[in-house]
């Protein structure tokens, strides 16, 4: 049981390190920067999540989620734009979650 818990924890934490990041191309003016997706303004040094599910600062935006790639064949994945995460559940019963054994950054 300890090994299953450890494996699950690694599957959740490690992919966060591999998430895709990019340098935003929004404007910077007098200590503020503009989110290139939502066109909202943010003070330098702040952090925010935009509508594309990216966690951003004025210097970089990174995916706020990972994508499940290995799960049972009788399961499916679906992206939840409200929580910015994939839900993996049984194809014939959405109330039954499935175990994900591997995920990757976007």
PDB file of N, CA and C in Angstrom:
ATOM      1  N   UNK A   1       0.822  -1.194   0.000  1.00  0.00           N
ATOM      2  CA  UNK A   1       0.000   0.000   0.000  1.00  0.00           C
ATOM      3  C   UNK A   1       0.870   1.264   0.000  1.00  0.00           C
ATOM      4  N   UNK A   2       2.016   1.218   0.735  1.00  0.00           N
ATOM      5  CA  UNK A   2       2.910   2.371   0.769  1.00  0.00           C
ATOM      6  C   UNK A   2       3.447   2.683  -0.620  1.00  0.00           C
ATOM      7  N   UNK A   3       3.764   1.634  -1.386  1.00  0.00           N
ATOM      8  CA  UNK A   3       4.336   1.848  -2.710  1.00  0.00           C
ATOM      9  C   UNK A   3       3.312   2.430  -3.673  1.00  0.00           C
ATOM     10  N   UNK A   4       2.067   2.013  -3.549  1.00  0.00           N
ATOM     11  CA  UNK A   4       1.009   2.564  -4.401  1.00  0.00           C
ATOM     12  C   UNK A   4       0.818   4.046  -4.099  1.00  0.00           C
ATOM     13  N   UNK A   5       0.832   4.409  -2.825  1.00  0.00           N
ATOM     14  CA  UNK A   5       0.698   5.803  -2.433  1.00  0.00           C
ATOM     15  C   UNK A   5       1.872   6.628  -2.953  1.00  0.00           C
ATOM     16  N   UNK A   6       3.070   6.112  -2.824  1.00  0.00           N
ATOM     17  CA  UNK A   6       4.255   6.812  -3.312  1.00  0.00           C
ATOM     18  C   UNK A   6       4.205   6.988  -4.837  1.00  0.00           C
ATOM     19  N   UNK A   7       3.836   5.933  -5.544  1.00  0.00           N
ATOM     20  CA  UNK A   7       3.739   6.008  -7.010  1.00  0.00           C
ATOM     21  C   UNK A   7       2.696   7.033  -7.426  1.00  0.00           C
ATOM     22  N   UNK A   8       1.564   7.057  -6.741  1.00  0.00           N
ATOM     23  CA  UNK A   8       0.511   8.027  -7.057  1.00  0.00           C
ATOM     24  C   UNK A   8       0.999   9.451  -6.821  1.00  0.00           C
ATOM     25  N   UNK A   9       1.697   9.653  -5.717  1.00  0.00           N
ATOM     26  CA  UNK A   9       2.217  10.973  -5.397  1.00  0.00           C
ATOM     27  C   UNK A   9       3.219  11.439  -6.447  1.00  0.00           C
ATOM     28  N   UNK A  10       4.101  10.563  -6.883  1.00  0.00           N
ATOM     29  CA  UNK A  10       5.070  10.919  -7.916  1.00  0.00           C
ATOM     30  C   UNK A  10       4.392  11.251  -9.238  1.00  0.00           C
ATOM     31  N   UNK A  11       3.343  10.523  -9.581  1.00  0.00           N
ATOM     32  CA  UNK A  11       2.618  10.788 -10.822  1.00  0.00           C
ATOM     33  C   UNK A  11       1.952  12.157 -10.788  1.00  0.00           C
ATOM     34  N   UNK A  12       1.594  12.616  -9.622  1.00  0.00           N
ATOM     35  CA  UNK A  12       0.954  13.923  -9.497  1.00  0.00           C
ATOM     36  C   UNK A  12       1.985  15.034  -9.461  1.00  0.00           C
ATOM     37  N   UNK A  13       3.073  14.860  -8.735  1.00  0.00           N
ATOM     38  CA  UNK A  13       4.036  15.937  -8.535  1.00  0.00           C
ATOM     39  C   UNK A  13       5.042  16.116  -9.659  1.00  0.00           C
ATOM     40  N   UNK A  14       5.610  15.050 -10.187  1.00  0.00           N
ATOM     41  CA  UNK A  14       6.656  15.175 -11.194  1.00  0.00           C
ATOM     42  C   UNK A  14       6.210  15.886 -12.460  1.00  0.00           C
ATOM     43  N   UNK A  15       5.037  15.596 -13.009  1.00  0.00           N
ATOM     44  CA  UNK A  15       4.660  16.283 -14.243  1.00  0.00           C
ATOM     45  C   UNK A  15       4.539  17.793 -14.077  1.00  0.00           C
ATOM     46  N   UNK A  16       4.325  18.293 -12.882  1.00  0.00           N
ATOM     47  CA  UNK A  16       4.257  19.731 -12.669  1.00  0.00           C
ATOM     48  C   UNK A  16       5.576  20.390 -13.062  1.00  0.00           C
ATOM     49  N   UNK A  17       6.678  19.664 -12.930  1.00  0.00           N
ATOM     50  CA  UNK A  17       7.978  20.207 -13.296  1.00  0.00           C
ATOM     51  C   UNK A  17       8.139  20.318 -14.803  1.00  0.00           C
ATOM     52  N   UNK A  18       7.395  19.537 -15.549  1.00  0.00           N
ATOM     53  CA  UNK A  18       7.549  19.492 -17.003  1.00  0.00           C
ATOM     54  C   UNK A  18       6.491  20.313 -17.727  1.00  0.00           C
ATOM     55  N   UNK A  19       5.723  21.088 -17.017  1.00  0.00           N
ATOM     56  CA  UNK A  19       4.657  21.861 -17.641  1.00  0.00           C
ATOM     57  C   UNK A  19       5.246  22.860 -18.633  1.00  0.00           C
ATOM     58  N   UNK A  20       4.520  23.130 -19.699  1.00  0.00           N
ATOM     59  CA  UNK A  20       4.979  24.054 -20.726  1.00  0.00           C
ATOM     60  C   UNK A  20       4.852  25.491 -20.242  1.00  0.00           C
ATOM     61  N   UNK A  21       5.883  26.288 -20.500  1.00  0.00           N
ATOM     62  CA  UNK A  21       5.888  27.701 -20.130  1.00  0.00           C
ATOM     63  C   UNK A  21       6.224  28.536 -21.358  1.00  0.00           C
ATOM     64  N   UNK A  22       5.836  29.797 -21.311  1.00  0.00           N
ATOM     65  CA  UNK A  22       6.173  30.714 -22.389  1.00  0.00           C
ATOM     66  C   UNK A  22       6.312  32.119 -21.802  1.00  0.00           C
ATOM     67  N   UNK A  23       7.000  32.964 -22.530  1.00  0.00           N
ATOM     68  CA  UNK A  23       7.147  34.363 -22.130  1.00  0.00           C
ATOM     69  C   UNK A  23       5.977  35.120 -22.736  1.00  0.00           C
ATOM     70  N   UNK A  24       5.167  35.771 -21.894  1.00  0.00           N
ATOM     71  CA  UNK A  24       3.997  36.480 -22.431  1.00  0.00           C
ATOM     72  C   UNK A  24       4.424  37.657 -23.298  1.00  0.00           C
ATOM     73  N   UNK A  25       3.637  37.927 -24.319  1.00  0.00           N
ATOM     74  CA  UNK A  25       3.970  39.033 -25.218  1.00  0.00           C
ATOM     75  C   UNK A  25       3.056  40.232 -25.002  1.00  0.00           C
ATOM     76  N   UNK A  26       2.464  40.330 -23.808  1.00  0.00           N
ATOM     77  CA  UNK A  26       1.623  41.482 -23.480  1.00  0.00           C
ATOM     78  C   UNK A  26       2.473  42.723 -23.230  1.00  0.00           C
ATOM     79  N   UNK A  27       1.815  43.851 -23.093  1.00  0.00           N
ATOM     80  CA  UNK A  27       2.488  45.122 -22.868  1.00  0.00           C
ATOM     81  C   UNK A  27       2.965  45.257 -21.426  1.00  0.00           C
ATOM     82  N   UNK A  28       4.021  46.042 -21.214  1.00  0.00           N
ATOM     83  CA  UNK A  28       4.502  46.400 -19.877  1.00  0.00           C
ATOM     84  C   UNK A  28       4.556  47.917 -19.810  1.00  0.00           C
ATOM     85  N   UNK A  29       3.859  48.486 -18.798  1.00  0.00           N
ATOM     86  CA  UNK A  29       3.802  49.935 -18.661  1.00  0.00           C
ATOM     87  C   UNK A  29       3.822  50.320 -17.191  1.00  0.00           C
ATOM     88  N   UNK A  30       4.781  51.121 -16.774  1.00  0.00           N
ATOM     89  CA  UNK A  30       4.844  51.712 -15.433  1.00  0.00           C
ATOM     90  C   UNK A  30       4.529  50.742 -14.299  1.00  0.00           C
ATOM     91  N   UNK A  31       5.237  49.634 -14.259  1.00  0.00           N
ATOM     92  CA  UNK A  31       5.067  48.682 -13.165  1.00  0.00           C
ATOM     93  C   UNK A  31       3.878  47.745 -13.325  1.00  0.00           C
ATOM     94  N   UNK A  32       3.255  47.721 -14.474  1.00  0.00           N
ATOM     95  CA  UNK A  32       2.133  46.823 -14.756  1.00  0.00           C
ATOM     96  C   UNK A  32       2.418  46.068 -16.050  1.00  0.00           C
ATOM     97  N   UNK A  33       1.808  44.898 -16.179  1.00  0.00           N
ATOM     98  CA  UNK A  33       1.925  44.144 -17.424  1.00  0.00           C
ATOM     99  C   UNK A  33       0.531  43.657 -17.826  1.00  0.00           C
ATOM    100  N   UNK A  34       0.376  43.418 -19.110  1.00  0.00           N
ATOM    101  CA  UNK A  34      -0.914  42.984 -19.628  1.00  0.00           C
ATOM    102  C   UNK A  34      -0.855  41.500 -19.972  1.00  0.00           C
ATOM    103  N   UNK A  35      -1.852  40.747 -19.506  1.00  0.00           N
ATOM    104  CA  UNK A  35      -1.970  39.337 -19.866  1.00  0.00           C
ATOM    105  C   UNK A  35      -2.284  39.262 -21.356  1.00  0.00           C
ATOM    106  N   UNK A  36      -1.495  38.488 -22.092  1.00  0.00           N
ATOM    107  CA  UNK A  36      -1.655  38.429 -23.547  1.00  0.00           C
ATOM    108  C   UNK A  36      -2.904  37.651 -23.971  1.00  0.00           C
ATOM    109  N   UNK A  37      -3.494  36.870 -23.077  1.00  0.00           N
ATOM    110  CA  UNK A  37      -4.702  36.107 -23.398  1.00  0.00           C
ATOM    111  C   UNK A  37      -5.954  36.913 -23.072  1.00  0.00           C
ATOM    112  N   UNK A  38      -6.056  37.369 -21.821  1.00  0.00           N
ATOM    113  CA  UNK A  38      -7.271  38.046 -21.356  1.00  0.00           C
ATOM    114  C   UNK A  38      -7.235  39.562 -21.513  1.00  0.00           C
ATOM    115  N   UNK A  39      -6.060  40.102 -21.818  1.00  0.00           N
ATOM    116  CA  UNK A  39      -5.863  41.553 -21.953  1.00  0.00           C
ATOM    117  C   UNK A  39      -6.141  42.297 -20.647  1.00  0.00           C
ATOM    118  N   UNK A  40      -5.970  41.612 -19.505  1.00  0.00           N
ATOM    119  CA  UNK A  40      -6.126  42.245 -18.195  1.00  0.00           C
ATOM    120  C   UNK A  40      -4.769  42.753 -17.721  1.00  0.00           C
ATOM    121  N   UNK A  41      -4.778  43.776 -16.861  1.00  0.00           N
ATOM    122  CA  UNK A  41      -3.551  44.386 -16.358  1.00  0.00           C
ATOM    123  C   UNK A  41      -3.260  43.895 -14.955  1.00  0.00           C
ATOM    124  N   UNK A  42      -1.974  43.654 -14.651  1.00  0.00           N
ATOM    125  CA  UNK A  42      -1.544  43.125 -13.356  1.00  0.00           C
ATOM    126  C   UNK A  42      -0.281  43.845 -12.907  1.00  0.00           C
ATOM    127  N   UNK A  43      -0.173  44.134 -11.593  1.00  0.00           N
ATOM    128  CA  UNK A  43       1.062  44.770 -11.105  1.00  0.00           C
ATOM    129  C   UNK A  43       2.248  43.809 -11.206  1.00  0.00           C
ATOM    130  N   UNK A  44       3.427  44.342 -11.505  1.00  0.00           N
ATOM    131  CA  UNK A  44       4.625  43.509 -11.541  1.00  0.00           C
ATOM    132  C   UNK A  44       4.812  42.849 -10.181  1.00  0.00           C
ATOM    133  N   UNK A  45       5.237  41.584 -10.183  1.00  0.00           N
ATOM    134  CA  UNK A  45       5.415  40.815  -8.955  1.00  0.00           C
ATOM    135  C   UNK A  45       4.177  40.031  -8.549  1.00  0.00           C
ATOM    136  N   UNK A  46       3.056  40.247  -9.226  1.00  0.00           N
ATOM    137  CA  UNK A  46       1.833  39.511  -8.878  1.00  0.00           C
ATOM    138  C   UNK A  46       1.752  38.210  -9.672  1.00  0.00           C
ATOM    139  N   UNK A  47       0.854  37.336  -9.239  1.00  0.00           N
ATOM    140  CA  UNK A  47       0.598  36.059  -9.915  1.00  0.00           C
ATOM    141  C   UNK A  47      -0.895  35.965 -10.173  1.00  0.00           C
ATOM    142  N   UNK A  48      -1.272  35.369 -11.312  1.00  0.00           N
ATOM    143  CA  UNK A  48      -2.677  35.207 -11.640  1.00  0.00           C
ATOM    144  C   UNK A  48      -2.854  34.000 -12.541  1.00  0.00           C
ATOM    145  N   UNK A  49      -4.092  33.554 -12.670  1.00  0.00           N
ATOM    146  CA  UNK A  49      -4.448  32.468 -13.584  1.00  0.00           C
ATOM    147  C   UNK A  49      -5.375  33.060 -14.636  1.00  0.00           C
ATOM    148  N   UNK A  50      -5.030  32.871 -15.915  1.00  0.00           N
ATOM    149  CA  UNK A  50      -5.873  33.429 -16.969  1.00  0.00           C
ATOM    150  C   UNK A  50      -6.902  32.412 -17.465  1.00  0.00           C
ATOM    151  N   UNK A  51      -7.727  32.831 -18.407  1.00  0.00           N
ATOM    152  CA  UNK A  51      -8.824  31.983 -18.890  1.00  0.00           C
ATOM    153  C   UNK A  51      -8.343  30.784 -19.708  1.00  0.00           C
ATOM    154  N   UNK A  52      -7.066  30.765 -20.101  1.00  0.00           N
ATOM    155  CA  UNK A  52      -6.502  29.622 -20.817  1.00  0.00           C
ATOM    156  C   UNK A  52      -5.878  28.610 -19.852  1.00  0.00           C
ATOM    157  N   UNK A  53      -6.162  28.770 -18.557  1.00  0.00           N
ATOM    158  CA  UNK A  53      -5.635  27.886 -17.502  1.00  0.00           C
ATOM    159  C   UNK A  53      -4.112  27.913 -17.436  1.00  0.00           C
ATOM    160  N   UNK A  54      -3.552  29.110 -17.552  1.00  0.00           N
ATOM    161  CA  UNK A  54      -2.120  29.323 -17.371  1.00  0.00           C
ATOM    162  C   UNK A  54      -1.905  30.105 -16.088  1.00  0.00           C
ATOM    163  N   UNK A  55      -0.919  29.699 -15.277  1.00  0.00           N
ATOM    164  CA  UNK A  55      -0.508  30.461 -14.115  1.00  0.00           C
ATOM    165  C   UNK A  55       0.578  31.420 -14.585  1.00  0.00           C
ATOM    166  N   UNK A  56       0.356  32.715 -14.356  1.00  0.00           N
ATOM    167  CA  UNK A  56       1.231  33.725 -14.947  1.00  0.00           C
ATOM    168  C   UNK A  56       1.834  34.675 -13.926  1.00  0.00           C
ATOM    169  N   UNK A  57       2.975  35.239 -14.332  1.00  0.00           N
ATOM    170  CA  UNK A  57       3.581  36.416 -13.734  1.00  0.00           C
ATOM    171  C   UNK A  57       3.873  37.333 -14.917  1.00  0.00           C
ATOM    172  N   UNK A  58       4.425  38.498 -14.669  1.00  0.00           N
ATOM    173  CA  UNK A  58       4.767  39.388 -15.784  1.00  0.00           C
ATOM    174  C   UNK A  58       5.880  38.815 -16.659  1.00  0.00           C
ATOM    175  N   UNK A  59       6.655  37.854 -16.117  1.00  0.00           N
ATOM    176  CA  UNK A  59       7.797  37.303 -16.841  1.00  0.00           C
ATOM    177  C   UNK A  59       7.536  35.976 -17.543  1.00  0.00           C
ATOM    178  N   UNK A  60       6.542  35.206 -17.089  1.00  0.00           N
ATOM    179  CA  UNK A  60       6.295  33.888 -17.687  1.00  0.00           C
ATOM    180  C   UNK A  60       4.890  33.390 -17.363  1.00  0.00           C
ATOM    181  N   UNK A  61       4.359  32.577 -18.258  1.00  0.00           N
ATOM    182  CA  UNK A  61       3.090  31.878 -18.032  1.00  0.00           C
ATOM    183  C   UNK A  61       3.353  30.383 -18.234  1.00  0.00           C
ATOM    184  N   UNK A  62       2.817  29.568 -17.339  1.00  0.00           N
ATOM    185  CA  UNK A  62       2.991  28.119 -17.410  1.00  0.00           C
ATOM    186  C   UNK A  62       1.638  27.432 -17.299  1.00  0.00           C
ATOM    187  N   UNK A  63       1.499  26.297 -17.961  1.00  0.00           N
ATOM    188  CA  UNK A  63       0.268  25.530 -17.853  1.00  0.00           C
ATOM    189  C   UNK A  63      -0.029  25.235 -16.394  1.00  0.00           C
ATOM    190  N   UNK A  64      -1.277  25.360 -16.027  1.00  0.00           N
ATOM    191  CA  UNK A  64      -1.698  25.114 -14.646  1.00  0.00           C
ATOM    192  C   UNK A  64      -2.223  23.691 -14.475  1.00  0.00           C
ATOM    193  N   UNK A  65      -2.001  22.839 -15.459  1.00  0.00           N
ATOM    194  CA  UNK A  65      -2.554  21.481 -15.397  1.00  0.00           C
ATOM    195  C   UNK A  65      -1.649  20.504 -16.122  1.00  0.00           C
ATOM    196  N   UNK A  66      -1.891  19.244 -15.874  1.00  0.00           N
ATOM    197  CA  UNK A  66      -1.221  18.175 -16.617  1.00  0.00           C
ATOM    198  C   UNK A  66      -2.286  17.383 -17.366  1.00  0.00           C
ATOM    199  N   UNK A  67      -1.855  16.648 -18.365  1.00  0.00           N
ATOM    200  CA  UNK A  67      -2.771  15.859 -19.178  1.00  0.00           C
ATOM    201  C   UNK A  67      -2.552  14.377 -18.902  1.00  0.00           C
ATOM    202  N   UNK A  68      -3.598  13.677 -18.453  1.00  0.00           N
ATOM    203  CA  UNK A  68      -3.465  12.233 -18.216  1.00  0.00           C
ATOM    204  C   UNK A  68      -3.206  11.498 -19.534  1.00  0.00           C
ATOM    205  N   UNK A  69      -2.224  10.596 -19.537  1.00  0.00           N
ATOM    206  CA  UNK A  69      -1.912   9.835 -20.749  1.00  0.00           C
ATOM    207  C   UNK A  69      -1.998   8.325 -20.548  1.00  0.00           C
ATOM    208  N   UNK A  70      -2.007   7.881 -19.319  1.00  0.00           N
ATOM    209  CA  UNK A  70      -2.079   6.447 -19.070  1.00  0.00           C
ATOM    210  C   UNK A  70      -3.145   6.176 -18.010  1.00  0.00           C
ATOM    211  N   UNK A  71      -4.239   5.555 -18.469  1.00  0.00           N
ATOM    212  CA  UNK A  71      -5.340   5.181 -17.591  1.00  0.00           C
ATOM    213  C   UNK A  71      -6.071   4.013 -18.244  1.00  0.00           C
ATOM    214  N   UNK A  72      -6.928   3.298 -17.527  1.00  0.00           N
ATOM    215  CA  UNK A  72      -7.584   2.109 -18.090  1.00  0.00           C
ATOM    216  C   UNK A  72      -8.398   2.416 -19.351  1.00  0.00           C
ATOM    217  N   UNK A  73      -8.493   1.429 -20.249  1.00  0.00           N
ATOM    218  CA  UNK A  73      -9.202   1.605 -21.516  1.00  0.00           C
ATOM    219  C   UNK A  73     -10.691   1.852 -21.353  1.00  0.00           C
ATOM    220  N   UNK A  74     -11.260   1.416 -20.239  1.00  0.00           N
ATOM    221  CA  UNK A  74     -12.695   1.626 -20.034  1.00  0.00           C
ATOM    222  C   UNK A  74     -12.979   2.989 -19.395  1.00  0.00           C
ATOM    223  N   UNK A  75     -11.970   3.867 -19.425  1.00  0.00           N
ATOM    224  CA  UNK A  75     -12.106   5.203 -18.850  1.00  0.00           C
ATOM    225  C   UNK A  75     -11.895   6.264 -19.931  1.00  0.00           C
ATOM    226  N   UNK A  76     -12.302   7.479 -19.630  1.00  0.00           N
ATOM    227  CA  UNK A  76     -12.102   8.599 -20.539  1.00  0.00           C
ATOM    228  C   UNK A  76     -11.702   9.832 -19.744  1.00  0.00           C
ATOM    229  N   UNK A  77     -11.080  10.796 -20.431  1.00  0.00           N
ATOM    230  CA  UNK A  77     -10.697  12.036 -19.779  1.00  0.00           C
ATOM    231  C   UNK A  77     -11.528  13.180 -20.350  1.00  0.00           C
ATOM    232  N   UNK A  78     -11.751  14.183 -19.492  1.00  0.00           N
ATOM    233  CA  UNK A  78     -12.504  15.356 -19.908  1.00  0.00           C
ATOM    234  C   UNK A  78     -11.936  16.567 -19.167  1.00  0.00           C
ATOM    235  N   UNK A  79     -11.686  17.649 -19.900  1.00  0.00           N
ATOM    236  CA  UNK A  79     -11.097  18.838 -19.277  1.00  0.00           C
ATOM    237  C   UNK A  79     -12.179  19.699 -18.649  1.00  0.00           C
ATOM    238  N   UNK A  80     -11.959  20.107 -17.403  1.00  0.00           N
ATOM    239  CA  UNK A  80     -12.872  20.980 -16.680  1.00  0.00           C
ATOM    240  C   UNK A  80     -12.275  22.388 -16.705  1.00  0.00           C
ATOM    241  N   UNK A  81     -12.871  23.300 -17.488  1.00  0.00           N
ATOM    242  CA  UNK A  81     -12.337  24.648 -17.651  1.00  0.00           C
ATOM    243  C   UNK A  81     -12.529  25.510 -16.407  1.00  0.00           C
ATOM    244  N   UNK A  82     -13.393  25.103 -15.500  1.00  0.00           N
ATOM    245  CA  UNK A  82     -13.599  25.852 -14.265  1.00  0.00           C
ATOM    246  C   UNK A  82     -12.461  25.579 -13.281  1.00  0.00           C
ATOM    247  N   UNK A  83     -12.100  24.301 -13.112  1.00  0.00           N
ATOM    248  CA  UNK A  83     -11.040  23.935 -12.165  1.00  0.00           C
ATOM    249  C   UNK A  83      -9.667  23.823 -12.835  1.00  0.00           C
ATOM    250  N   UNK A  84      -9.604  23.914 -14.158  1.00  0.00           N
ATOM    251  CA  UNK A  84      -8.356  23.799 -14.930  1.00  0.00           C
ATOM    252  C   UNK A  84      -7.674  22.464 -14.671  1.00  0.00           C
ATOM    253  N   UNK A  85      -8.432  21.391 -14.730  1.00  0.00           N
ATOM    254  CA  UNK A  85      -7.866  20.063 -14.560  1.00  0.00           C
ATOM    255  C   UNK A  85      -8.678  19.044 -15.356  1.00  0.00           C
ATOM    256  N   UNK A  86      -8.011  17.936 -15.664  1.00  0.00           N
ATOM    257  CA  UNK A  86      -8.686  16.836 -16.327  1.00  0.00           C
ATOM    258  C   UNK A  86      -9.361  15.956 -15.288  1.00  0.00           C
ATOM    259  N   UNK A  87     -10.551  15.507 -15.601  1.00  0.00           N
ATOM    260  CA  UNK A  87     -11.255  14.511 -14.796  1.00  0.00           C
ATOM    261  C   UNK A  87     -11.187  13.210 -15.598  1.00  0.00           C
ATOM    262  N   UNK A  88     -10.871  12.110 -14.944  1.00  0.00           N
ATOM    263  CA  UNK A  88     -10.808  10.805 -15.597  1.00  0.00           C
ATOM    264  C   UNK A  88     -11.804   9.902 -14.892  1.00  0.00           C
ATOM    265  N   UNK A  89     -12.734   9.341 -15.681  1.00  0.00           N
ATOM    266  CA  UNK A  89     -13.822   8.553 -15.106  1.00  0.00           C
ATOM    267  C   UNK A  89     -14.223   7.432 -16.051  1.00  0.00           C
ATOM    268  N   UNK A  90     -15.002   6.490 -15.537  1.00  0.00           N
ATOM    269  CA  UNK A  90     -15.478   5.356 -16.338  1.00  0.00           C
ATOM    270  C   UNK A  90     -16.357   5.862 -17.477  1.00  0.00           C
ATOM    271  N   UNK A  91     -16.199   5.287 -18.655  1.00  0.00           N
ATOM    272  CA  UNK A  91     -16.987   5.694 -19.815  1.00  0.00           C
ATOM    273  C   UNK A  91     -18.482   5.491 -19.595  1.00  0.00           C
ATOM    274  N   UNK A  92     -18.825   4.423 -18.886  1.00  0.00           N
ATOM    275  CA  UNK A  92     -20.243   4.110 -18.700  1.00  0.00           C
ATOM    276  C   UNK A  92     -20.799   4.636 -17.376  1.00  0.00           C
ATOM    277  N   UNK A  93     -19.961   5.294 -16.552  1.00  0.00           N
ATOM    278  CA  UNK A  93     -20.423   5.820 -15.264  1.00  0.00           C
ATOM    279  C   UNK A  93     -19.518   6.971 -14.830  1.00  0.00           C
ATOM    280  N   UNK A  94     -19.952   8.198 -15.136  1.00  0.00           N
ATOM    281  CA  UNK A  94     -19.143   9.392 -14.846  1.00  0.00           C
ATOM    282  C   UNK A  94     -18.884   9.591 -13.356  1.00  0.00           C
ATOM    283  N   UNK A  95     -19.631   8.922 -12.506  1.00  0.00           N
ATOM    284  CA  UNK A  95     -19.434   9.085 -11.059  1.00  0.00           C
ATOM    285  C   UNK A  95     -18.296   8.209 -10.530  1.00  0.00           C
ATOM    286  N   UNK A  96     -17.779   7.306 -11.367  1.00  0.00           N
ATOM    287  CA  UNK A  96     -16.700   6.406 -10.962  1.00  0.00           C
ATOM    288  C   UNK A  96     -15.355   6.929 -11.479  1.00  0.00           C
ATOM    289  N   UNK A  97     -14.512   7.487 -10.588  1.00  0.00           N
ATOM    290  CA  UNK A  97     -13.201   7.967 -11.037  1.00  0.00           C
ATOM    291  C   UNK A  97     -12.273   6.805 -11.386  1.00  0.00           C
ATOM    292  N   UNK A  98     -11.298   7.101 -12.229  1.00  0.00           N
ATOM    293  CA  UNK A  98     -10.311   6.105 -12.648  1.00  0.00           C
ATOM    294  C   UNK A  98      -8.921   6.503 -12.166  1.00  0.00           C
ATOM    295  N   UNK A  99      -8.082   5.522 -11.941  1.00  0.00           N
ATOM    296  CA  UNK A  99      -6.708   5.753 -11.528  1.00  0.00           C
ATOM    297  C   UNK A  99      -5.865   6.136 -12.748  1.00  0.00           C
ATOM    298  N   UNK A 100      -5.151   7.233 -12.652  1.00  0.00           N
ATOM    299  CA  UNK A 100      -4.252   7.686 -13.708  1.00  0.00           C
ATOM    300  C   UNK A 100      -2.845   7.304 -13.303  1.00  0.00           C
ATOM    301  N   UNK A 101      -2.146   6.593 -14.182  1.00  0.00           N
ATOM    302  CA  UNK A 101      -0.795   6.142 -13.829  1.00  0.00           C
ATOM    303  C   UNK A 101       0.301   7.022 -14.456  1.00  0.00           C
ATOM    304  N   UNK A 102      -0.055   7.922 -15.371  1.00  0.00           N
ATOM    305  CA  UNK A 102       0.944   8.839 -15.941  1.00  0.00           C
ATOM    306  C   UNK A 102       0.256  10.061 -16.525  1.00  0.00           C
ATOM    307  N   UNK A 103       0.905  11.216 -16.363  1.00  0.00           N
ATOM    308  CA  UNK A 103       0.412  12.474 -16.911  1.00  0.00           C
ATOM    309  C   UNK A 103       1.598  13.245 -17.455  1.00  0.00           C
ATOM    310  N   UNK A 104       1.335  14.158 -18.397  1.00  0.00           N
ATOM    311  CA  UNK A 104       2.379  14.996 -18.960  1.00  0.00           C
ATOM    312  C   UNK A 104       1.889  16.443 -19.019  1.00  0.00           C
ATOM    313  N   UNK A 105       2.864  17.374 -19.129  1.00  0.00           N
ATOM    314  CA  UNK A 105       2.497  18.769 -19.328  1.00  0.00           C
ATOM    315  C   UNK A 105       1.904  18.939 -20.699  1.00  0.00           C
ATOM    316  N   UNK A 106       1.239  20.017 -20.910  1.00  0.00           N
ATOM    317  CA  UNK A 106       0.517  20.290 -22.158  1.00  0.00           C
ATOM    318  C   UNK A 106       1.417  20.267 -23.359  1.00  0.00           C
TER     319      UNK A 106
END
